[in-house]
Amino acid sequence: MHYRKITAAVLCATAVLSTAAAAQPAYADSTATAISYGNDTSDAERQEVLSLMGIDPSSVSDEYVTIVTNEDEHNMLDSYLSSSVIGTQAISCSAVTQEGDGYGIQVTTHNINYCTEEMYQNALATAGLENADVQVAAPYAVSGTAALVGVTKAYTVLTGKEVDQDNLDAAADELVTTGDVGDEIGDQDKAAELIAAAKQQVVDSKTTDPDEIRQIIINVAGDMNINLSDDALDQITELLQKVSKLDLSSDQLQSQLSGLYDKLKSNGVDLGISEDEAKGFFEKLADFFTNLWNSIFGSSD
């Protein structure tokens, strides 16, 4: 099997690959916090992780605790990553708290070296998580794969909402693509912002056409003064084709990623276009190429 270049985002792809989440019992207590522990952490390390996340150990209920093993990681990731990348231990942990409408997805990390918080937010929104406070932590610096498996497991335990497999796959792809693009342009956060803005426009315009999606990406990259290689453009186009087929709404993305989108808007990046505007844009694009063709070859009358 061909593996993409191992990047920061690849190591984070486990955040959206936890199909085991659907098997967990759902308690849906809006006041609780669900915890996932890496199986290879000691009791002392788990106490340290809770301290990093500001969680009182006495408030943690066993019914909201999930354990993620290295075998879990391999079962979920071996088709995506080399076994050597996944490693032999599950160390990192996570905590998920359900919040009220309008909270969005907020992510904080502790001792996680690879995914940025914006990358987590972006992918978890694609996975379908809503109004959740997410913390990812480890007792020392690690890649974070065990905790990332645990995020979706903890979310389902907490809310009873199963994460759709197609959304999980797209979210994993999004993390990998963001990491690759971030490596190319030298800025992981800017890559996450580029993909977030392009994703918003694709979902808003309801287009599934690859040429239209490609043009949206080119326009957004231009607005952000980002130069993309043809390979990167192809990779993002393929990702957003997949995203365009999901049951995601423009309002849903805006509500879950409001902080990130506010940042983009403040930098002058246009995030969304209405369906009528999108139709007009692509009609103008078609007219441009028609006129160009006629200017070169003449009309057929």
C-alpha atoms as a PDB file:
ATOM      1  CA  MET A   1       0.000   0.000   0.000  1.00  0.00           C
ATOM      2  CA  HIS A   2       1.216   3.545  -0.735  1.00  0.00           C
ATOM      3  CA  TYR A   3       1.574   5.754   2.349  1.00  0.00           C
ATOM      4  CA  ARG A   4       1.571   9.510   2.099  1.00  0.00           C
ATOM      5  CA  LYS A   5       4.469  11.400   3.522  1.00  0.00           C
ATOM      6  CA  ILE A   6       4.383  11.168   7.294  1.00  0.00           C
ATOM      7  CA  THR A   7       3.548  14.588   8.593  1.00  0.00           C
ATOM      8  CA  ALA A   8       2.274  16.177  11.746  1.00  0.00           C
ATOM      9  CA  ALA A   9      -1.282  15.786  10.516  1.00  0.00           C
ATOM     10  CA  VAL A  10      -0.872  12.110   9.732  1.00  0.00           C
ATOM     11  CA  LEU A  11       0.071  11.452  13.317  1.00  0.00           C
ATOM     12  CA  CYS A  12      -3.104  13.216  14.317  1.00  0.00           C
ATOM     13  CA  ALA A  13      -5.427  11.360  11.963  1.00  0.00           C
ATOM     14  CA  THR A  14      -6.600   9.028  14.704  1.00  0.00           C
ATOM     15  CA  ALA A  15      -8.852  11.753  16.074  1.00  0.00           C
ATOM     16  CA  VAL A  16     -11.395  10.801  13.477  1.00  0.00           C
ATOM     17  CA  LEU A  17     -10.953   7.075  12.994  1.00  0.00           C
ATOM     18  CA  SER A  18     -12.617   5.671  16.083  1.00  0.00           C
ATOM     19  CA  THR A  19     -15.364   3.424  14.740  1.00  0.00           C
ATOM     20  CA  ALA A  20     -15.299   1.749  18.136  1.00  0.00           C
ATOM     21  CA  ALA A  21     -17.089   4.817  19.459  1.00  0.00           C
ATOM     22  CA  ALA A  22     -20.417   3.452  18.277  1.00  0.00           C
ATOM     23  CA  ALA A  23     -20.027   0.431  20.535  1.00  0.00           C
ATOM     24  CA  GLN A  24     -19.733   2.522  23.707  1.00  0.00           C
ATOM     25  CA  PRO A  25     -22.752   3.035  25.984  1.00  0.00           C
ATOM     26  CA  ALA A  26     -24.320   6.484  25.867  1.00  0.00           C
ATOM     27  CA  TYR A  27     -25.130   8.342  29.066  1.00  0.00           C
ATOM     28  CA  ALA A  28     -25.721  11.834  27.657  1.00  0.00           C
ATOM     29  CA  ASP A  29     -25.198  13.688  30.938  1.00  0.00           C
ATOM     30  CA  SER A  30     -24.688  17.318  29.979  1.00  0.00           C
ATOM     31  CA  THR A  31     -22.795  18.008  33.229  1.00  0.00           C
ATOM     32  CA  ALA A  32     -20.210  15.222  32.837  1.00  0.00           C
ATOM     33  CA  THR A  33     -16.762  15.063  31.277  1.00  0.00           C
ATOM     34  CA  ALA A  34     -15.749  11.897  29.451  1.00  0.00           C
ATOM     35  CA  ILE A  35     -12.112  10.845  29.731  1.00  0.00           C
ATOM     36  CA  SER A  36      -9.989   8.597  27.545  1.00  0.00           C
ATOM     37  CA  TYR A  37      -6.725   7.261  28.990  1.00  0.00           C
ATOM     38  CA  GLY A  38      -3.880   5.770  27.051  1.00  0.00           C
ATOM     39  CA  ASN A  39      -3.603   2.202  28.334  1.00  0.00           C
ATOM     40  CA  ASP A  40       0.152   2.470  28.929  1.00  0.00           C
ATOM     41  CA  THR A  41      -0.057   5.395  31.353  1.00  0.00           C
ATOM     42  CA  SER A  42       0.511   4.751  35.045  1.00  0.00           C
ATOM     43  CA  ASP A  43      -1.878   5.885  37.755  1.00  0.00           C
ATOM     44  CA  ALA A  44       0.515   8.710  38.624  1.00  0.00           C
ATOM     45  CA  GLU A  45       0.691   9.806  34.986  1.00  0.00           C
ATOM     46  CA  ARG A  46      -3.096   9.802  34.735  1.00  0.00           C
ATOM     47  CA  GLN A  47      -3.271  12.050  37.785  1.00  0.00           C
ATOM     48  CA  GLU A  48      -0.726  14.349  36.157  1.00  0.00           C
ATOM     49  CA  VAL A  49      -2.726  14.488  32.935  1.00  0.00           C
ATOM     50  CA  LEU A  50      -5.908  15.374  34.825  1.00  0.00           C
ATOM     51  CA  SER A  51      -3.977  18.137  36.576  1.00  0.00           C
ATOM     52  CA  LEU A  52      -2.773  19.512  33.231  1.00  0.00           C
ATOM     53  CA  MET A  53      -6.380  19.591  32.034  1.00  0.00           C
ATOM     54  CA  GLY A  54      -7.607  21.212  35.258  1.00  0.00           C
ATOM     55  CA  ILE A  55      -9.868  18.276  36.144  1.00  0.00           C
ATOM     56  CA  ASP A  56     -10.460  17.218  39.745  1.00  0.00           C
ATOM     57  CA  PRO A  57      -9.870  13.422  39.890  1.00  0.00           C
ATOM     58  CA  SER A  58     -12.756  13.068  42.334  1.00  0.00           C
ATOM     59  CA  SER A  59     -15.128  14.385  39.659  1.00  0.00           C
ATOM     60  CA  VAL A  60     -14.263  11.622  37.179  1.00  0.00           C
ATOM     61  CA  SER A  61     -16.890   8.878  37.079  1.00  0.00           C
ATOM     62  CA  ASP A  62     -15.861   5.391  35.931  1.00  0.00           C
ATOM     63  CA  GLU A  63     -18.859   5.178  33.591  1.00  0.00           C
ATOM     64  CA  TYR A  64     -17.388   8.056  31.566  1.00  0.00           C
ATOM     65  CA  VAL A  65     -13.868   6.627  31.327  1.00  0.00           C
ATOM     66  CA  THR A  66     -12.594   4.958  28.155  1.00  0.00           C
ATOM     67  CA  ILE A  67      -9.276   3.129  27.801  1.00  0.00           C
ATOM     68  CA  VAL A  68      -7.460   3.228  24.457  1.00  0.00           C
ATOM     69  CA  THR A  69      -4.925   0.474  23.838  1.00  0.00           C
ATOM     70  CA  ASN A  70      -2.125   0.310  21.309  1.00  0.00           C
ATOM     71  CA  GLU A  71      -4.044  -2.565  19.714  1.00  0.00           C
ATOM     72  CA  ASP A  72      -7.007  -0.194  19.278  1.00  0.00           C
ATOM     73  CA  GLU A  73      -4.697   2.204  17.480  1.00  0.00           C
ATOM     74  CA  HIS A  74      -3.367  -0.477  15.153  1.00  0.00           C
ATOM     75  CA  ASN A  75      -6.833  -1.871  14.449  1.00  0.00           C
ATOM     76  CA  MET A  76      -8.007   1.559  13.385  1.00  0.00           C
ATOM     77  CA  LEU A  77      -4.864   2.882  11.732  1.00  0.00           C
ATOM     78  CA  ASP A  78      -2.901   0.094  10.109  1.00  0.00           C
ATOM     79  CA  SER A  79      -4.691   0.683   6.797  1.00  0.00           C
ATOM     80  CA  TYR A  80      -3.670   4.369   6.899  1.00  0.00           C
ATOM     81  CA  LEU A  81      -0.228   4.418   8.501  1.00  0.00           C
ATOM     82  CA  SER A  82       2.902   2.352   8.832  1.00  0.00           C
ATOM     83  CA  SER A  83       2.923   0.328  12.063  1.00  0.00           C
ATOM     84  CA  SER A  84       6.226   1.962  13.011  1.00  0.00           C
ATOM     85  CA  VAL A  85       4.531   5.369  13.014  1.00  0.00           C
ATOM     86  CA  ILE A  86       1.712   4.226  15.300  1.00  0.00           C
ATOM     87  CA  GLY A  87       4.250   2.817  17.741  1.00  0.00           C
ATOM     88  CA  THR A  88       3.959   0.267  20.539  1.00  0.00           C
ATOM     89  CA  GLN A  89       2.403   2.250  23.407  1.00  0.00           C
ATOM     90  CA  ALA A  90      -0.751   4.251  23.999  1.00  0.00           C
ATOM     91  CA  ILE A  91       0.177   7.245  26.162  1.00  0.00           C
ATOM     92  CA  SER A  92      -1.871  10.337  25.344  1.00  0.00           C
ATOM     93  CA  CYS A  93      -5.269  11.054  26.873  1.00  0.00           C
ATOM     94  CA  SER A  94      -8.283  13.231  26.181  1.00  0.00           C
ATOM     95  CA  ALA A  95     -11.239  14.858  27.885  1.00  0.00           C
ATOM     96  CA  VAL A  96     -14.523  15.862  26.230  1.00  0.00           C
ATOM     97  CA  THR A  97     -17.231  18.002  27.829  1.00  0.00           C
ATOM     98  CA  GLN A  98     -20.552  18.674  26.102  1.00  0.00           C
ATOM     99  CA  GLU A  99     -21.389  22.378  26.030  1.00  0.00           C
ATOM    100  CA  GLY A 100     -24.502  24.352  25.114  1.00  0.00           C
ATOM    101  CA  ASP A 101     -25.623  25.566  21.701  1.00  0.00           C
ATOM    102  CA  GLY A 102     -23.343  28.238  20.299  1.00  0.00           C
ATOM    103  CA  TYR A 103     -20.229  27.036  22.102  1.00  0.00           C
ATOM    104  CA  GLY A 104     -18.723  25.391  19.035  1.00  0.00           C
ATOM    105  CA  ILE A 105     -15.677  23.140  19.163  1.00  0.00           C
ATOM    106  CA  GLN A 106     -12.913  24.428  21.410  1.00  0.00           C
ATOM    107  CA  VAL A 107      -9.628  22.504  21.648  1.00  0.00           C
ATOM    108  CA  THR A 108      -6.703  22.791  24.068  1.00  0.00           C
ATOM    109  CA  THR A 109      -3.560  20.662  23.947  1.00  0.00           C
ATOM    110  CA  HIS A 110      -0.876  19.844  26.520  1.00  0.00           C
ATOM    111  CA  ASN A 111       2.386  18.086  25.586  1.00  0.00           C
ATOM    112  CA  ILE A 112       1.144  17.258  22.067  1.00  0.00           C
ATOM    113  CA  ASN A 113       3.740  18.076  19.426  1.00  0.00           C
ATOM    114  CA  TYR A 114       2.014  17.560  16.100  1.00  0.00           C
ATOM    115  CA  CYS A 115      -1.538  18.721  15.473  1.00  0.00           C
ATOM    116  CA  THR A 116      -2.330  22.354  16.092  1.00  0.00           C
ATOM    117  CA  GLU A 117      -5.538  23.232  17.898  1.00  0.00           C
ATOM    118  CA  GLU A 118      -6.967  24.662  14.664  1.00  0.00           C
ATOM    119  CA  MET A 119      -6.285  21.398  12.854  1.00  0.00           C
ATOM    120  CA  TYR A 120      -8.164  19.486  15.550  1.00  0.00           C
ATOM    121  CA  GLN A 121     -11.109  21.904  15.412  1.00  0.00           C
ATOM    122  CA  ASN A 122     -11.354  21.702  11.644  1.00  0.00           C
ATOM    123  CA  ALA A 123     -11.281  17.913  11.436  1.00  0.00           C
ATOM    124  CA  LEU A 124     -13.621  17.357  14.380  1.00  0.00           C
ATOM    125  CA  ALA A 125     -16.177  19.675  12.766  1.00  0.00           C
ATOM    126  CA  THR A 126     -15.942  17.569   9.606  1.00  0.00           C
ATOM    127  CA  ALA A 127     -16.398  14.457  11.755  1.00  0.00           C
ATOM    128  CA  GLY A 128     -19.662  15.958  12.982  1.00  0.00           C
ATOM    129  CA  LEU A 129     -18.840  16.852  16.584  1.00  0.00           C
ATOM    130  CA  GLU A 130     -20.800  19.793  17.958  1.00  0.00           C
ATOM    131  CA  ASN A 131     -20.522  22.117  20.963  1.00  0.00           C
ATOM    132  CA  ALA A 132     -17.707  20.281  22.696  1.00  0.00           C
ATOM    133  CA  ASP A 133     -14.791  21.357  24.839  1.00  0.00           C
ATOM    134  CA  VAL A 134     -11.907  19.022  23.947  1.00  0.00           C
ATOM    135  CA  GLN A 135      -8.582  18.656  25.728  1.00  0.00           C
ATOM    136  CA  VAL A 136      -5.735  16.437  24.552  1.00  0.00           C
ATOM    137  CA  ALA A 137      -2.867  15.840  26.957  1.00  0.00           C
ATOM    138  CA  ALA A 138       0.037  13.582  27.867  1.00  0.00           C
ATOM    139  CA  PRO A 139       2.405  13.431  30.848  1.00  0.00           C
ATOM    140  CA  TYR A 140       5.292  14.230  28.476  1.00  0.00           C
ATOM    141  CA  ALA A 141       5.665  15.186  24.813  1.00  0.00           C
ATOM    142  CA  VAL A 142       4.200  12.531  22.493  1.00  0.00           C
ATOM    143  CA  SER A 143       2.496  12.295  19.105  1.00  0.00           C
ATOM    144  CA  GLY A 144      -0.983  12.009  20.622  1.00  0.00           C
ATOM    145  CA  THR A 145      -2.380   9.087  18.664  1.00  0.00           C
ATOM    146  CA  ALA A 146      -3.931   7.289  21.641  1.00  0.00           C
ATOM    147  CA  ALA A 147      -5.796  10.382  22.817  1.00  0.00           C
ATOM    148  CA  LEU A 148      -6.975  11.071  19.302  1.00  0.00           C
ATOM    149  CA  VAL A 149      -8.549   7.661  19.057  1.00  0.00           C
ATOM    150  CA  GLY A 150     -10.182   8.446  22.385  1.00  0.00           C
ATOM    151  CA  VAL A 151     -11.737  11.782  21.414  1.00  0.00           C
ATOM    152  CA  THR A 152     -14.514  10.308  19.302  1.00  0.00           C
ATOM    153  CA  LYS A 153     -14.997   7.424  21.720  1.00  0.00           C
ATOM    154  CA  ALA A 154     -15.385   9.857  24.611  1.00  0.00           C
ATOM    155  CA  TYR A 155     -17.743  12.067  22.598  1.00  0.00           C
ATOM    156  CA  THR A 156     -20.057   9.153  21.838  1.00  0.00           C
ATOM    157  CA  VAL A 157     -19.985   7.896  25.425  1.00  0.00           C
ATOM    158  CA  LEU A 158     -20.887  11.384  26.597  1.00  0.00           C
ATOM    159  CA  THR A 159     -23.559  12.319  24.072  1.00  0.00           C
ATOM    160  CA  GLY A 160     -24.856   9.086  22.583  1.00  0.00           C
ATOM    161  CA  LYS A 161     -24.233  10.529  19.105  1.00  0.00           C
ATOM    162  CA  GLU A 162     -22.515   8.108  16.761  1.00  0.00           C
ATOM    163  CA  VAL A 163     -19.949   9.550  14.394  1.00  0.00           C
ATOM    164  CA  ASP A 164     -20.670   8.588  10.780  1.00  0.00           C
ATOM    165  CA  GLN A 165     -17.920   6.548   9.107  1.00  0.00           C
ATOM    166  CA  ASP A 166     -17.862   8.713   5.963  1.00  0.00           C
ATOM    167  CA  ASN A 167     -17.377  11.805   8.127  1.00  0.00           C
ATOM    168  CA  LEU A 168     -14.599  10.060  10.024  1.00  0.00           C
ATOM    169  CA  ASP A 169     -12.816   9.135   6.827  1.00  0.00           C
ATOM    170  CA  ALA A 170     -13.093  12.679   5.477  1.00  0.00           C
ATOM    171  CA  ALA A 171     -11.847  14.117   8.762  1.00  0.00           C
ATOM    172  CA  ALA A 172      -8.834  11.789   8.739  1.00  0.00           C
ATOM    173  CA  ASP A 173      -8.107  12.804   5.154  1.00  0.00           C
ATOM    174  CA  GLU A 174      -8.429  16.438   6.176  1.00  0.00           C
ATOM    175  CA  LEU A 175      -5.809  16.112   8.878  1.00  0.00           C
ATOM    176  CA  VAL A 176      -3.384  14.360   6.533  1.00  0.00           C
ATOM    177  CA  THR A 177      -3.948  16.903   3.773  1.00  0.00           C
ATOM    178  CA  THR A 178      -3.607  19.847   6.154  1.00  0.00           C
ATOM    179  CA  GLY A 179      -0.283  18.501   7.386  1.00  0.00           C
ATOM    180  CA  ASP A 180       1.031  17.986   3.860  1.00  0.00           C
ATOM    181  CA  VAL A 181      -0.029  21.465   2.760  1.00  0.00           C
ATOM    182  CA  GLY A 182       1.358  22.945   5.978  1.00  0.00           C
ATOM    183  CA  ASP A 183       4.715  21.353   5.256  1.00  0.00           C
ATOM    184  CA  GLU A 184       4.680  22.773   1.737  1.00  0.00           C
ATOM    185  CA  ILE A 185       3.854  26.361   2.724  1.00  0.00           C
ATOM    186  CA  GLY A 186       5.736  26.237   6.033  1.00  0.00           C
ATOM    187  CA  ASP A 187       2.769  27.082   8.264  1.00  0.00           C
ATOM    188  CA  GLN A 188       0.388  24.453   9.703  1.00  0.00           C
ATOM    189  CA  ASP A 189      -2.098  26.991  11.052  1.00  0.00           C
ATOM    190  CA  LYS A 190      -2.298  28.846   7.752  1.00  0.00           C
ATOM    191  CA  ALA A 191      -2.891  25.543   5.983  1.00  0.00           C
ATOM    192  CA  ALA A 192      -5.746  24.794   8.399  1.00  0.00           C
ATOM    193  CA  GLU A 193      -7.228  28.230   7.743  1.00  0.00           C
ATOM    194  CA  LEU A 194      -6.975  27.769   3.967  1.00  0.00           C
ATOM    195  CA  ILE A 195      -8.782  24.441   4.085  1.00  0.00           C
ATOM    196  CA  ALA A 196     -11.399  25.770   6.509  1.00  0.00           C
ATOM    197  CA  ALA A 197     -12.208  28.708   4.245  1.00  0.00           C
ATOM    198  CA  ALA A 198     -12.337  26.589   1.089  1.00  0.00           C
ATOM    199  CA  LYS A 199     -14.430  23.945   2.848  1.00  0.00           C
ATOM    200  CA  GLN A 200     -16.925  26.576   3.957  1.00  0.00           C
ATOM    201  CA  GLN A 201     -17.366  27.858   0.405  1.00  0.00           C
ATOM    202  CA  VAL A 202     -17.708  24.351  -1.037  1.00  0.00           C
ATOM    203  CA  VAL A 203     -20.394  23.407   1.501  1.00  0.00           C
ATOM    204  CA  ASP A 204     -22.142  26.758   1.093  1.00  0.00           C
ATOM    205  CA  SER A 205     -22.245  26.534  -2.705  1.00  0.00           C
ATOM    206  CA  LYS A 206     -23.380  22.886  -2.626  1.00  0.00           C
ATOM    207  CA  THR A 207     -21.092  22.069  -5.517  1.00  0.00           C
ATOM    208  CA  THR A 208     -19.630  18.587  -5.990  1.00  0.00           C
ATOM    209  CA  ASP A 209     -17.969  19.384  -9.312  1.00  0.00           C
ATOM    210  CA  PRO A 210     -14.160  18.975  -9.091  1.00  0.00           C
ATOM    211  CA  ASP A 211     -13.453  21.871 -11.476  1.00  0.00           C
ATOM    212  CA  GLU A 212     -15.629  24.227  -9.451  1.00  0.00           C
ATOM    213  CA  ILE A 213     -14.072  23.031  -6.197  1.00  0.00           C
ATOM    214  CA  ARG A 214     -10.592  23.529  -7.645  1.00  0.00           C
ATOM    215  CA  GLN A 215     -11.459  27.100  -8.646  1.00  0.00           C
ATOM    216  CA  ILE A 216     -12.736  27.851  -5.125  1.00  0.00           C
ATOM    217  CA  ILE A 217      -9.422  26.642  -3.680  1.00  0.00           C
ATOM    218  CA  ILE A 218      -7.443  28.773  -6.151  1.00  0.00           C
ATOM    219  CA  ASN A 219      -9.507  31.850  -5.219  1.00  0.00           C
ATOM    220  CA  VAL A 220      -9.131  31.293  -1.471  1.00  0.00           C
ATOM    221  CA  ALA A 221      -5.392  30.658  -1.784  1.00  0.00           C
ATOM    222  CA  GLY A 222      -5.103  33.890  -3.764  1.00  0.00           C
ATOM    223  CA  ASP A 223      -7.003  35.813  -1.075  1.00  0.00           C
ATOM    224  CA  MET A 224      -4.575  34.441   1.509  1.00  0.00           C
ATOM    225  CA  ASN A 225      -1.455  35.019  -0.615  1.00  0.00           C
ATOM    226  CA  ILE A 226      -0.659  31.296  -0.603  1.00  0.00           C
ATOM    227  CA  ASN A 227       1.105  29.693  -3.547  1.00  0.00           C
ATOM    228  CA  LEU A 228       0.067  26.060  -3.961  1.00  0.00           C
ATOM    229  CA  SER A 229       1.810  23.464  -6.076  1.00  0.00           C
ATOM    230  CA  ASP A 230      -0.281  21.452  -8.509  1.00  0.00           C
ATOM    231  CA  ASP A 231       0.123  18.418  -6.231  1.00  0.00           C
ATOM    232  CA  ALA A 232      -1.210  20.331  -3.221  1.00  0.00           C
ATOM    233  CA  LEU A 233      -4.082  21.719  -5.262  1.00  0.00           C
ATOM    234  CA  ASP A 234      -4.976  18.225  -6.443  1.00  0.00           C
ATOM    235  CA  GLN A 235      -4.825  16.896  -2.886  1.00  0.00           C
ATOM    236  CA  ILE A 236      -7.105  19.596  -1.471  1.00  0.00           C
ATOM    237  CA  THR A 237      -9.522  19.207  -4.388  1.00  0.00           C
ATOM    238  CA  GLU A 238      -9.779  15.471  -3.761  1.00  0.00           C
ATOM    239  CA  LEU A 239     -10.390  16.088  -0.061  1.00  0.00           C
ATOM    240  CA  LEU A 240     -13.104  18.697  -0.625  1.00  0.00           C
ATOM    241  CA  GLN A 241     -14.848  16.500  -3.180  1.00  0.00           C
ATOM    242  CA  LYS A 242     -15.204  13.994  -0.368  1.00  0.00           C
ATOM    243  CA  VAL A 243     -16.376  16.698   2.066  1.00  0.00           C
ATOM    244  CA  SER A 244     -18.912  18.007  -0.475  1.00  0.00           C
ATOM    245  CA  LYS A 245     -20.760  14.689  -0.352  1.00  0.00           C
ATOM    246  CA  LEU A 246     -21.210  14.719   3.431  1.00  0.00           C
ATOM    247  CA  ASP A 247     -24.315  15.890   5.236  1.00  0.00           C
ATOM    248  CA  LEU A 248     -22.684  19.107   6.449  1.00  0.00           C
ATOM    249  CA  SER A 249     -24.378  22.483   6.413  1.00  0.00           C
ATOM    250  CA  SER A 250     -22.863  25.917   6.113  1.00  0.00           C
ATOM    251  CA  ASP A 251     -24.558  27.003   9.343  1.00  0.00           C
ATOM    252  CA  GLN A 252     -23.197  23.961  11.165  1.00  0.00           C
ATOM    253  CA  LEU A 253     -19.616  24.706  10.173  1.00  0.00           C
ATOM    254  CA  GLN A 254     -19.948  28.394  10.997  1.00  0.00           C
ATOM    255  CA  SER A 255     -21.382  27.656  14.433  1.00  0.00           C
ATOM    256  CA  GLN A 256     -18.745  25.060  15.330  1.00  0.00           C
ATOM    257  CA  LEU A 257     -15.750  27.002  13.973  1.00  0.00           C
ATOM    258  CA  SER A 258     -16.841  30.558  14.722  1.00  0.00           C
ATOM    259  CA  GLY A 259     -13.549  31.542  16.332  1.00  0.00           C
ATOM    260  CA  LEU A 260     -11.492  30.316  13.396  1.00  0.00           C
ATOM    261  CA  TYR A 261     -13.846  31.906  10.876  1.00  0.00           C
ATOM    262  CA  ASP A 262     -13.821  35.227  12.733  1.00  0.00           C
ATOM    263  CA  LYS A 263     -10.033  35.182  12.451  1.00  0.00           C
ATOM    264  CA  LEU A 264     -10.237  34.545   8.722  1.00  0.00           C
ATOM    265  CA  LYS A 265     -12.835  37.267   8.194  1.00  0.00           C
ATOM    266  CA  SER A 266     -10.665  39.755  10.093  1.00  0.00           C
ATOM    267  CA  ASN A 267      -7.899  38.962   7.604  1.00  0.00           C
ATOM    268  CA  GLY A 268     -10.203  39.738   4.677  1.00  0.00           C
ATOM    269  CA  VAL A 269     -10.875  36.160   3.572  1.00  0.00           C
ATOM    270  CA  ASP A 270     -14.345  35.593   2.106  1.00  0.00           C
ATOM    271  CA  LEU A 271     -15.672  32.446   3.757  1.00  0.00           C
ATOM    272  CA  GLY A 272     -19.020  31.811   2.174  1.00  0.00           C
ATOM    273  CA  ILE A 273     -21.112  32.547  -0.859  1.00  0.00           C
ATOM    274  CA  SER A 274     -24.813  32.013  -1.265  1.00  0.00           C
ATOM    275  CA  GLU A 275     -26.162  29.425  -3.664  1.00  0.00           C
ATOM    276  CA  ASP A 276     -27.247  32.187  -6.083  1.00  0.00           C
ATOM    277  CA  GLU A 277     -23.855  33.848  -5.867  1.00  0.00           C
ATOM    278  CA  ALA A 278     -22.154  30.532  -6.470  1.00  0.00           C
ATOM    279  CA  LYS A 279     -24.321  29.884  -9.524  1.00  0.00           C
ATOM    280  CA  GLY A 280     -23.545  33.339 -10.852  1.00  0.00           C
ATOM    281  CA  PHE A 281     -19.852  32.891 -10.267  1.00  0.00           C
ATOM    282  CA  PHE A 282     -19.656  29.660 -12.194  1.00  0.00           C
ATOM    283  CA  GLU A 283     -21.829  31.043 -15.002  1.00  0.00           C
ATOM    284  CA  LYS A 284     -19.369  33.932 -15.307  1.00  0.00           C
ATOM    285  CA  LEU A 285     -16.518  31.458 -15.305  1.00  0.00           C
ATOM    286  CA  ALA A 286     -18.182  29.468 -18.111  1.00  0.00           C
ATOM    287  CA  ASP A 287     -18.807  32.687 -20.080  1.00  0.00           C
ATOM    288  CA  PHE A 288     -15.159  33.626 -19.704  1.00  0.00           C
ATOM    289  CA  PHE A 289     -13.956  30.374 -21.255  1.00  0.00           C
ATOM    290  CA  THR A 290     -16.633  30.574 -23.978  1.00  0.00           C
ATOM    291  CA  ASN A 291     -15.518  34.076 -24.893  1.00  0.00           C
ATOM    292  CA  LEU A 292     -11.886  33.022 -24.803  1.00  0.00           C
ATOM    293  CA  TRP A 293     -12.637  30.099 -27.146  1.00  0.00           C
ATOM    294  CA  ASN A 294     -14.530  32.347 -29.559  1.00  0.00           C
ATOM    295  CA  SER A 295     -11.767  34.943 -29.570  1.00  0.00           C
ATOM    296  CA  ILE A 296      -9.280  32.290 -30.597  1.00  0.00           C
ATOM    297  CA  PHE A 297     -11.291  30.151 -33.030  1.00  0.00           C
ATOM    298  CA  GLY A 298     -14.132  32.449 -33.998  1.00  0.00           C
ATOM    299  CA  SER A 299     -17.866  31.823 -33.637  1.00  0.00           C
ATOM    300  CA  SER A 300     -19.517  28.894 -35.324  1.00  0.00           C
ATOM    301  CA  ASP A 301     -22.259  30.909 -37.142  1.00  0.00           C
END
